Amino acid sequence: MRSRGRAGSDAGAGSDAGARLRAEGLDAGSWSNGPGDRYPPHEHAYDKVLVCERGSIRFGLPDRGELVDLAEGDRLDLPAGTRHDAVVGPGGVTCLEAHVPAGTLGAVSTRPAGSW
């Protein structure tokens, strides 16, 4: 089951990732899923910044033929219109997610923990 809450400026309180996103001017909410939960391919009309706060998740980028694995602290930037799907790892996942206007992010980008 998916749980999602908009945490506003408290997103990621006590978390390095949340503080780093806020320092970039991003207002991230938090969501969680249980082990093995899946999202079918979909896209959004806004750019999205995702950071894995706990657990793990695999994102598929079917139009690019790529898989992106996120673990704690890893970040994925998805421009608007990027089709993606996801499968939650065996320990579940909690992610921070911020939406920004379409065109803000130049390209799909993955950044490992500690590099951003």
C-alpha atoms as a PDB file:
ATOM      1  CA  MET A   1       0.000   0.000   0.000  1.00  0.00           C
ATOM      2  CA  ARG A   2       1.203   3.465  -0.839  1.00  0.00           C
ATOM      3  CA  SER A   3       1.202   6.251   1.671  1.00  0.00           C
ATOM      4  CA  ARG A   4       1.817   9.804   0.652  1.00  0.00           C
ATOM      5  CA  GLY A   5       1.856  12.991   2.609  1.00  0.00           C
ATOM      6  CA  ARG A   6       2.751  16.523   1.708  1.00  0.00           C
ATOM      7  CA  ALA A   7       5.149  17.586   4.383  1.00  0.00           C
ATOM      8  CA  GLY A   8       5.910  21.080   3.075  1.00  0.00           C
ATOM      9  CA  SER A   9       8.883  22.738   4.708  1.00  0.00           C
ATOM     10  CA  ASP A  10       9.192  19.873   7.207  1.00  0.00           C
ATOM     11  CA  ALA A  11       9.896  17.352   4.445  1.00  0.00           C
ATOM     12  CA  GLY A  12      12.870  15.259   5.369  1.00  0.00           C
ATOM     13  CA  ALA A  13      13.214  16.860   8.805  1.00  0.00           C
ATOM     14  CA  GLY A  14      16.228  15.260  10.420  1.00  0.00           C
ATOM     15  CA  SER A  15      17.406  14.058   7.047  1.00  0.00           C
ATOM     16  CA  ASP A  16      20.414  15.293   5.122  1.00  0.00           C
ATOM     17  CA  ALA A  17      18.542  14.751   1.868  1.00  0.00           C
ATOM     18  CA  GLY A  18      15.606  16.884   2.966  1.00  0.00           C
ATOM     19  CA  ALA A  19      17.925  19.671   4.084  1.00  0.00           C
ATOM     20  CA  ARG A  20      19.841  19.560   0.787  1.00  0.00           C
ATOM     21  CA  LEU A  21      16.619  19.745  -1.229  1.00  0.00           C
ATOM     22  CA  ARG A  22      15.404  22.699   0.838  1.00  0.00           C
ATOM     23  CA  ALA A  23      18.783  24.398   0.278  1.00  0.00           C
ATOM     24  CA  GLU A  24      18.068  24.117  -3.474  1.00  0.00           C
ATOM     25  CA  GLY A  25      14.714  25.818  -2.913  1.00  0.00           C
ATOM     26  CA  LEU A  26      12.744  22.588  -3.402  1.00  0.00           C
ATOM     27  CA  ASP A  27       9.634  21.811  -1.352  1.00  0.00           C
ATOM     28  CA  ALA A  28       9.630  18.020  -1.122  1.00  0.00           C
ATOM     29  CA  GLY A  29       6.879  15.766   0.127  1.00  0.00           C
ATOM     30  CA  SER A  30       7.416  12.225   1.360  1.00  0.00           C
ATOM     31  CA  TRP A  31       5.829   8.960   0.214  1.00  0.00           C
ATOM     32  CA  SER A  32       6.330   5.309   1.073  1.00  0.00           C
ATOM     33  CA  ASN A  33       5.562   1.929  -0.458  1.00  0.00           C
ATOM     34  CA  GLY A  34       5.834  -1.657   0.688  1.00  0.00           C
ATOM     35  CA  PRO A  35       8.126  -4.351  -0.736  1.00  0.00           C
ATOM     36  CA  GLY A  36       7.365  -5.318  -4.324  1.00  0.00           C
ATOM     37  CA  ASP A  37       4.824  -2.540  -4.956  1.00  0.00           C
ATOM     38  CA  ARG A  38       4.761  -1.480  -8.613  1.00  0.00           C
ATOM     39  CA  TYR A  39       3.882   1.571 -10.653  1.00  0.00           C
ATOM     40  CA  PRO A  40       3.013   1.025 -14.321  1.00  0.00           C
ATOM     41  CA  PRO A  41       4.603   3.226 -17.003  1.00  0.00           C
ATOM     42  CA  HIS A  42       3.377   6.819 -16.784  1.00  0.00           C
ATOM     43  CA  GLU A  43       4.611  10.379 -17.225  1.00  0.00           C
ATOM     44  CA  HIS A  44       3.979  13.790 -15.711  1.00  0.00           C
ATOM     45  CA  ALA A  45       3.489  17.312 -17.056  1.00  0.00           C
ATOM     46  CA  TYR A  46       5.989  18.656 -14.494  1.00  0.00           C
ATOM     47  CA  ASP A  47       9.657  18.005 -13.785  1.00  0.00           C
ATOM     48  CA  LYS A  48      10.240  15.757 -10.787  1.00  0.00           C
ATOM     49  CA  VAL A  49      13.155  15.406  -8.355  1.00  0.00           C
ATOM     50  CA  LEU A  50      13.195  12.124  -6.413  1.00  0.00           C
ATOM     51  CA  VAL A  51      15.496  11.147  -3.551  1.00  0.00           C
ATOM     52  CA  CYS A  52      15.426   7.736  -1.901  1.00  0.00           C
ATOM     53  CA  GLU A  53      15.380   8.407   1.834  1.00  0.00           C
ATOM     54  CA  ARG A  54      15.115   4.785   3.032  1.00  0.00           C
ATOM     55  CA  GLY A  55      15.010   1.373   1.366  1.00  0.00           C
ATOM     56  CA  SER A  56      15.332   0.978  -2.386  1.00  0.00           C
ATOM     57  CA  ILE A  57      13.398   1.324  -5.629  1.00  0.00           C
ATOM     58  CA  ARG A  58      14.096   0.540  -9.289  1.00  0.00           C
ATOM     59  CA  PHE A  59      12.826   2.948 -11.929  1.00  0.00           C
ATOM     60  CA  GLY A  60      12.439   1.818 -15.505  1.00  0.00           C
ATOM     61  CA  LEU A  61      12.797   4.326 -18.326  1.00  0.00           C
ATOM     62  CA  PRO A  62      11.189   2.267 -21.100  1.00  0.00           C
ATOM     63  CA  ASP A  63      11.690   4.802 -23.909  1.00  0.00           C
ATOM     64  CA  ARG A  64      15.412   4.895 -23.107  1.00  0.00           C
ATOM     65  CA  GLY A  65      15.780   1.180 -22.375  1.00  0.00           C
ATOM     66  CA  GLU A  66      17.326   1.982 -18.994  1.00  0.00           C
ATOM     67  CA  LEU A  67      16.894   0.865 -15.396  1.00  0.00           C
ATOM     68  CA  VAL A  68      17.845   3.141 -12.500  1.00  0.00           C
ATOM     69  CA  ASP A  69      18.320   1.686  -9.023  1.00  0.00           C
ATOM     70  CA  LEU A  70      17.993   4.114  -6.122  1.00  0.00           C
ATOM     71  CA  ALA A  71      19.134   3.350  -2.582  1.00  0.00           C
ATOM     72  CA  GLU A  72      19.372   5.634   0.431  1.00  0.00           C
ATOM     73  CA  GLY A  73      20.544   9.117  -0.582  1.00  0.00           C
ATOM     74  CA  ASP A  74      20.468   8.519  -4.358  1.00  0.00           C
ATOM     75  CA  ARG A  75      18.702  11.099  -6.539  1.00  0.00           C
ATOM     76  CA  LEU A  76      16.831  10.914  -9.840  1.00  0.00           C
ATOM     77  CA  ASP A  77      15.810  14.019 -11.813  1.00  0.00           C
ATOM     78  CA  LEU A  78      13.024  13.376 -14.332  1.00  0.00           C
ATOM     79  CA  PRO A  79      12.027  16.047 -16.854  1.00  0.00           C
ATOM     80  CA  ALA A  80       8.349  16.396 -17.739  1.00  0.00           C
ATOM     81  CA  GLY A  81       7.167  13.805 -20.257  1.00  0.00           C
ATOM     82  CA  THR A  82       9.732  11.168 -19.254  1.00  0.00           C
ATOM     83  CA  ARG A  83       7.887   7.852 -19.197  1.00  0.00           C
ATOM     84  CA  HIS A  84       8.855   5.803 -16.158  1.00  0.00           C
ATOM     85  CA  ASP A  85       7.723   2.842 -14.103  1.00  0.00           C
ATOM     86  CA  ALA A  86       8.915   1.564 -10.751  1.00  0.00           C
ATOM     87  CA  VAL A  87       9.299  -1.529  -8.569  1.00  0.00           C
ATOM     88  CA  VAL A  88       9.931  -1.139  -4.842  1.00  0.00           C
ATOM     89  CA  GLY A  89      12.811  -3.124  -3.342  1.00  0.00           C
ATOM     90  CA  PRO A  90      12.539  -5.940  -0.775  1.00  0.00           C
ATOM     91  CA  GLY A  91      12.714  -3.625   2.253  1.00  0.00           C
ATOM     92  CA  GLY A  92      10.137  -1.103   1.040  1.00  0.00           C
ATOM     93  CA  VAL A  93      10.955   2.510   0.242  1.00  0.00           C
ATOM     94  CA  THR A  94      10.460   6.067   1.438  1.00  0.00           C
ATOM     95  CA  CYS A  95      11.197   8.798  -1.087  1.00  0.00           C
ATOM     96  CA  LEU A  96      11.259  12.563  -1.038  1.00  0.00           C
ATOM     97  CA  GLU A  97       9.683  14.101  -4.133  1.00  0.00           C
ATOM     98  CA  ALA A  98       9.628  17.685  -5.370  1.00  0.00           C
ATOM     99  CA  HIS A  99       7.774  19.007  -8.411  1.00  0.00           C
ATOM    100  CA  VAL A 100       9.195  21.870 -10.431  1.00  0.00           C
ATOM    101  CA  PRO A 101       7.887  23.574 -13.581  1.00  0.00           C
ATOM    102  CA  ALA A 102       8.339  21.684 -16.837  1.00  0.00           C
ATOM    103  CA  GLY A 103      11.574  22.685 -18.529  1.00  0.00           C
ATOM    104  CA  THR A 104      13.457  23.370 -15.286  1.00  0.00           C
ATOM    105  CA  LEU A 105      15.456  20.133 -15.543  1.00  0.00           C
ATOM    106  CA  GLY A 106      17.482  19.720 -18.701  1.00  0.00           C
ATOM    107  CA  ALA A 107      17.723  15.941 -18.891  1.00  0.00           C
ATOM    108  CA  VAL A 108      17.286  12.717 -16.956  1.00  0.00           C
ATOM    109  CA  SER A 109      19.997  12.680 -14.328  1.00  0.00           C
ATOM    110  CA  THR A 110      20.983  10.225 -11.608  1.00  0.00           C
ATOM    111  CA  ARG A 111      23.272  11.197  -8.780  1.00  0.00           C
ATOM    112  CA  PRO A 112      24.547   8.785  -6.144  1.00  0.00           C
ATOM    113  CA  ALA A 113      24.355   9.563  -2.451  1.00  0.00           C
ATOM    114  CA  GLY A 114      26.996  12.055  -1.359  1.00  0.00           C
ATOM    115  CA  SER A 115      27.533  13.479  -4.854  1.00  0.00           C
ATOM    116  CA  TRP A 116      24.853  16.126  -4.783  1.00  0.00           C
END
